[in-house]
Amino acid sequence: MGEVAVIIRVYPESTEKLESVKKAVGEIVKITKVSEEEIAFGLKALVVTFVMGDDSGLDAIEEKIAALPDVSQVQVIGMDRV
């Protein structure tokens, strides 16, 4: 069993919710790196990197994060074996 580094972009419903979204995502996955990314017109998204087992289901994790109250959208932007 190997590990996979996953990079996702999490779009919060509003910029004021960035910290609460970051905390909530951290309760679902073990975050190894997180940064804010300017989208447009003052809107920001979180770019989150975490490591998971290659036998784990990424779809289930993505669905859990997307179901968080202050999250509007989640997008997987990269994956690579560690």
N, C-alpha and C. Protein backbone atom coordinates (compact mmCIF):
# COMPACT_ATOMS: atom_id res chain seq x y z
N MET A 1 0.84 -1.18 0.00
CA MET A 1 0.00 0.00 0.00
C MET A 1 0.89 1.24 0.00
N GLY A 2 0.65 2.13 -0.93
CA GLY A 2 1.40 3.38 -1.00
C GLY A 2 0.56 4.56 -0.54
N GLU A 3 1.13 5.72 -0.67
CA GLU A 3 0.42 6.94 -0.29
C GLU A 3 0.33 7.86 -1.49
N VAL A 4 -0.70 8.69 -1.47
CA VAL A 4 -0.96 9.62 -2.55
C VAL A 4 -1.12 11.02 -1.95
N ALA A 5 -0.42 12.00 -2.52
CA ALA A 5 -0.60 13.40 -2.15
C ALA A 5 -1.71 13.95 -3.03
N VAL A 6 -2.69 14.55 -2.41
CA VAL A 6 -3.84 15.09 -3.14
C VAL A 6 -3.90 16.60 -2.91
N ILE A 7 -4.14 17.35 -3.98
CA ILE A 7 -4.30 18.80 -3.88
C ILE A 7 -5.72 19.12 -4.33
N ILE A 8 -6.46 19.80 -3.46
CA ILE A 8 -7.82 20.19 -3.79
C ILE A 8 -7.99 21.70 -3.64
N ARG A 9 -8.92 22.25 -4.37
CA ARG A 9 -9.29 23.66 -4.24
C ARG A 9 -10.68 23.67 -3.63
N VAL A 10 -10.81 24.36 -2.50
CA VAL A 10 -12.09 24.44 -1.79
C VAL A 10 -12.60 25.87 -1.88
N TYR A 11 -13.80 26.02 -2.45
CA TYR A 11 -14.41 27.33 -2.60
C TYR A 11 -15.41 27.55 -1.47
N PRO A 12 -15.12 28.49 -0.56
CA PRO A 12 -16.09 28.77 0.50
C PRO A 12 -17.22 29.64 -0.05
N GLU A 13 -18.34 29.65 0.67
CA GLU A 13 -19.48 30.46 0.23
C GLU A 13 -19.17 31.94 0.29
N SER A 14 -18.30 32.34 1.24
CA SER A 14 -17.88 33.74 1.32
C SER A 14 -16.46 33.81 1.87
N THR A 15 -15.80 34.91 1.60
CA THR A 15 -14.41 35.07 2.04
C THR A 15 -14.31 35.09 3.56
N GLU A 16 -15.34 35.55 4.24
CA GLU A 16 -15.33 35.60 5.70
C GLU A 16 -15.29 34.20 6.32
N LYS A 17 -15.63 33.19 5.56
CA LYS A 17 -15.70 31.81 6.06
C LYS A 17 -14.43 31.01 5.86
N LEU A 18 -13.35 31.62 5.37
CA LEU A 18 -12.13 30.88 5.06
C LEU A 18 -11.58 30.13 6.27
N GLU A 19 -11.48 30.79 7.41
CA GLU A 19 -10.90 30.14 8.59
C GLU A 19 -11.77 28.99 9.10
N SER A 20 -13.08 29.18 9.10
CA SER A 20 -13.96 28.10 9.57
C SER A 20 -13.94 26.92 8.61
N VAL A 21 -13.83 27.18 7.32
CA VAL A 21 -13.74 26.11 6.33
C VAL A 21 -12.41 25.37 6.49
N LYS A 22 -11.33 26.11 6.70
CA LYS A 22 -10.01 25.49 6.89
C LYS A 22 -10.03 24.56 8.10
N LYS A 23 -10.63 25.00 9.18
CA LYS A 23 -10.71 24.18 10.39
C LYS A 23 -11.56 22.93 10.14
N ALA A 24 -12.69 23.09 9.47
CA ALA A 24 -13.58 21.96 9.20
C ALA A 24 -12.93 20.93 8.28
N VAL A 25 -12.21 21.39 7.27
CA VAL A 25 -11.51 20.48 6.35
C VAL A 25 -10.43 19.72 7.13
N GLY A 26 -9.76 20.41 8.06
CA GLY A 26 -8.73 19.78 8.87
C GLY A 26 -9.26 18.68 9.77
N GLU A 27 -10.55 18.70 10.06
CA GLU A 27 -11.16 17.64 10.85
C GLU A 27 -11.47 16.40 10.00
N ILE A 28 -11.50 16.57 8.69
CA ILE A 28 -11.79 15.46 7.78
C ILE A 28 -10.50 14.79 7.28
N VAL A 29 -9.51 15.62 6.93
CA VAL A 29 -8.22 15.10 6.45
C VAL A 29 -7.09 15.74 7.23
N LYS A 30 -5.93 15.08 7.22
CA LYS A 30 -4.75 15.65 7.86
C LYS A 30 -4.06 16.55 6.84
N ILE A 31 -4.21 17.86 7.02
CA ILE A 31 -3.68 18.83 6.08
C ILE A 31 -2.16 18.92 6.23
N THR A 32 -1.45 18.81 5.10
CA THR A 32 0.00 18.98 5.13
C THR A 32 0.39 20.38 4.68
N LYS A 33 -0.45 21.01 3.86
CA LYS A 33 -0.19 22.37 3.39
C LYS A 33 -1.51 23.01 3.01
N VAL A 34 -1.65 24.29 3.34
CA VAL A 34 -2.84 25.02 2.94
C VAL A 34 -2.45 26.45 2.59
N SER A 35 -3.05 26.98 1.54
CA SER A 35 -2.80 28.36 1.15
C SER A 35 -4.08 28.96 0.59
N GLU A 36 -4.10 30.28 0.54
CA GLU A 36 -5.25 30.98 -0.03
C GLU A 36 -4.90 31.39 -1.45
N GLU A 37 -5.89 31.29 -2.33
CA GLU A 37 -5.69 31.64 -3.73
C GLU A 37 -6.73 32.67 -4.14
N GLU A 38 -6.27 33.77 -4.72
CA GLU A 38 -7.18 34.78 -5.23
C GLU A 38 -7.90 34.23 -6.46
N ILE A 39 -9.21 34.37 -6.47
CA ILE A 39 -9.98 33.90 -7.61
C ILE A 39 -10.33 35.09 -8.52
N ALA A 40 -11.15 35.99 -8.02
CA ALA A 40 -11.52 37.19 -8.76
C ALA A 40 -12.38 38.08 -7.88
N PHE A 41 -12.27 39.38 -8.08
CA PHE A 41 -13.11 40.36 -7.38
C PHE A 41 -13.13 40.17 -5.87
N GLY A 42 -11.96 39.88 -5.29
CA GLY A 42 -11.86 39.72 -3.85
C GLY A 42 -12.25 38.35 -3.33
N LEU A 43 -12.66 37.45 -4.21
CA LEU A 43 -13.00 36.10 -3.79
C LEU A 43 -11.74 35.26 -3.64
N LYS A 44 -11.74 34.39 -2.64
CA LYS A 44 -10.59 33.54 -2.39
C LYS A 44 -11.04 32.09 -2.25
N ALA A 45 -10.12 31.19 -2.55
CA ALA A 45 -10.34 29.76 -2.35
C ALA A 45 -9.17 29.22 -1.54
N LEU A 46 -9.38 28.08 -0.91
CA LEU A 46 -8.30 27.41 -0.18
C LEU A 46 -7.72 26.32 -1.07
N VAL A 47 -6.41 26.25 -1.14
CA VAL A 47 -5.73 25.16 -1.84
C VAL A 47 -5.13 24.28 -0.74
N VAL A 48 -5.67 23.07 -0.63
CA VAL A 48 -5.33 22.18 0.47
C VAL A 48 -4.59 20.96 -0.07
N THR A 49 -3.47 20.63 0.56
CA THR A 49 -2.72 19.42 0.22
C THR A 49 -2.79 18.47 1.41
N PHE A 50 -3.10 17.21 1.13
CA PHE A 50 -3.12 16.19 2.18
C PHE A 50 -2.65 14.88 1.59
N VAL A 51 -2.25 13.96 2.47
CA VAL A 51 -1.76 12.64 2.05
C VAL A 51 -2.75 11.59 2.52
N MET A 52 -3.04 10.64 1.64
CA MET A 52 -3.95 9.54 1.98
C MET A 52 -3.41 8.25 1.39
N GLY A 53 -3.91 7.13 1.88
CA GLY A 53 -3.53 5.84 1.33
C GLY A 53 -4.09 5.69 -0.07
N ASP A 54 -3.35 5.00 -0.94
CA ASP A 54 -3.82 4.85 -2.32
C ASP A 54 -5.02 3.91 -2.43
N ASP A 55 -5.36 3.24 -1.34
CA ASP A 55 -6.55 2.38 -1.35
C ASP A 55 -7.76 3.09 -0.74
N SER A 56 -7.57 4.32 -0.28
CA SER A 56 -8.68 5.10 0.28
C SER A 56 -9.52 5.68 -0.85
N GLY A 57 -10.76 5.97 -0.53
CA GLY A 57 -11.65 6.52 -1.54
C GLY A 57 -11.63 8.04 -1.55
N LEU A 58 -11.08 8.63 -2.60
CA LEU A 58 -11.03 10.08 -2.72
C LEU A 58 -12.43 10.65 -2.89
N ASP A 59 -13.30 9.94 -3.60
CA ASP A 59 -14.66 10.44 -3.81
C ASP A 59 -15.39 10.66 -2.50
N ALA A 60 -15.22 9.76 -1.55
CA ALA A 60 -15.89 9.89 -0.25
C ALA A 60 -15.37 11.11 0.50
N ILE A 61 -14.06 11.34 0.45
CA ILE A 61 -13.48 12.51 1.12
C ILE A 61 -13.98 13.79 0.46
N GLU A 62 -13.99 13.80 -0.86
CA GLU A 62 -14.46 14.97 -1.61
C GLU A 62 -15.92 15.28 -1.27
N GLU A 63 -16.75 14.25 -1.16
CA GLU A 63 -18.16 14.44 -0.82
C GLU A 63 -18.32 14.99 0.59
N LYS A 64 -17.51 14.51 1.55
CA LYS A 64 -17.59 15.01 2.93
C LYS A 64 -17.23 16.49 2.99
N ILE A 65 -16.18 16.88 2.27
CA ILE A 65 -15.77 18.29 2.28
C ILE A 65 -16.82 19.15 1.59
N ALA A 66 -17.36 18.69 0.48
CA ALA A 66 -18.39 19.45 -0.25
C ALA A 66 -19.66 19.60 0.57
N ALA A 67 -19.91 18.68 1.49
CA ALA A 67 -21.12 18.73 2.31
C ALA A 67 -20.99 19.67 3.52
N LEU A 68 -19.80 20.21 3.76
CA LEU A 68 -19.62 21.13 4.87
C LEU A 68 -20.50 22.36 4.67
N PRO A 69 -21.02 22.94 5.75
CA PRO A 69 -21.99 24.04 5.65
C PRO A 69 -21.52 25.27 4.88
N ASP A 70 -20.26 25.67 5.00
CA ASP A 70 -19.80 26.91 4.37
C ASP A 70 -19.04 26.69 3.07
N VAL A 71 -19.10 25.48 2.51
CA VAL A 71 -18.38 25.16 1.27
C VAL A 71 -19.36 25.16 0.10
N SER A 72 -18.98 25.87 -0.97
CA SER A 72 -19.83 25.88 -2.15
C SER A 72 -19.40 24.87 -3.20
N GLN A 73 -18.07 24.60 -3.27
CA GLN A 73 -17.57 23.68 -4.29
C GLN A 73 -16.20 23.15 -3.91
N VAL A 74 -15.89 21.93 -4.37
CA VAL A 74 -14.58 21.32 -4.16
C VAL A 74 -14.09 20.81 -5.51
N GLN A 75 -12.81 21.04 -5.79
CA GLN A 75 -12.24 20.63 -7.07
C GLN A 75 -10.88 19.97 -6.81
N VAL A 76 -10.71 18.75 -7.30
CA VAL A 76 -9.41 18.07 -7.21
C VAL A 76 -8.55 18.64 -8.33
N ILE A 77 -7.38 19.18 -7.96
CA ILE A 77 -6.52 19.77 -8.98
C ILE A 77 -5.22 19.03 -9.19
N GLY A 78 -4.95 18.02 -8.34
CA GLY A 78 -3.75 17.23 -8.55
C GLY A 78 -3.63 16.06 -7.62
N MET A 79 -2.96 15.02 -8.11
CA MET A 79 -2.69 13.82 -7.32
C MET A 79 -1.33 13.28 -7.77
N ASP A 80 -0.56 12.75 -6.80
CA ASP A 80 0.74 12.19 -7.14
C ASP A 80 1.15 11.20 -6.06
N ARG A 81 1.75 10.11 -6.45
CA ARG A 81 2.23 9.13 -5.47
C ARG A 81 3.39 9.72 -4.69
N VAL A 82 3.42 9.37 -3.40
CA VAL A 82 4.48 9.88 -2.53
C VAL A 82 5.54 8.82 -2.40
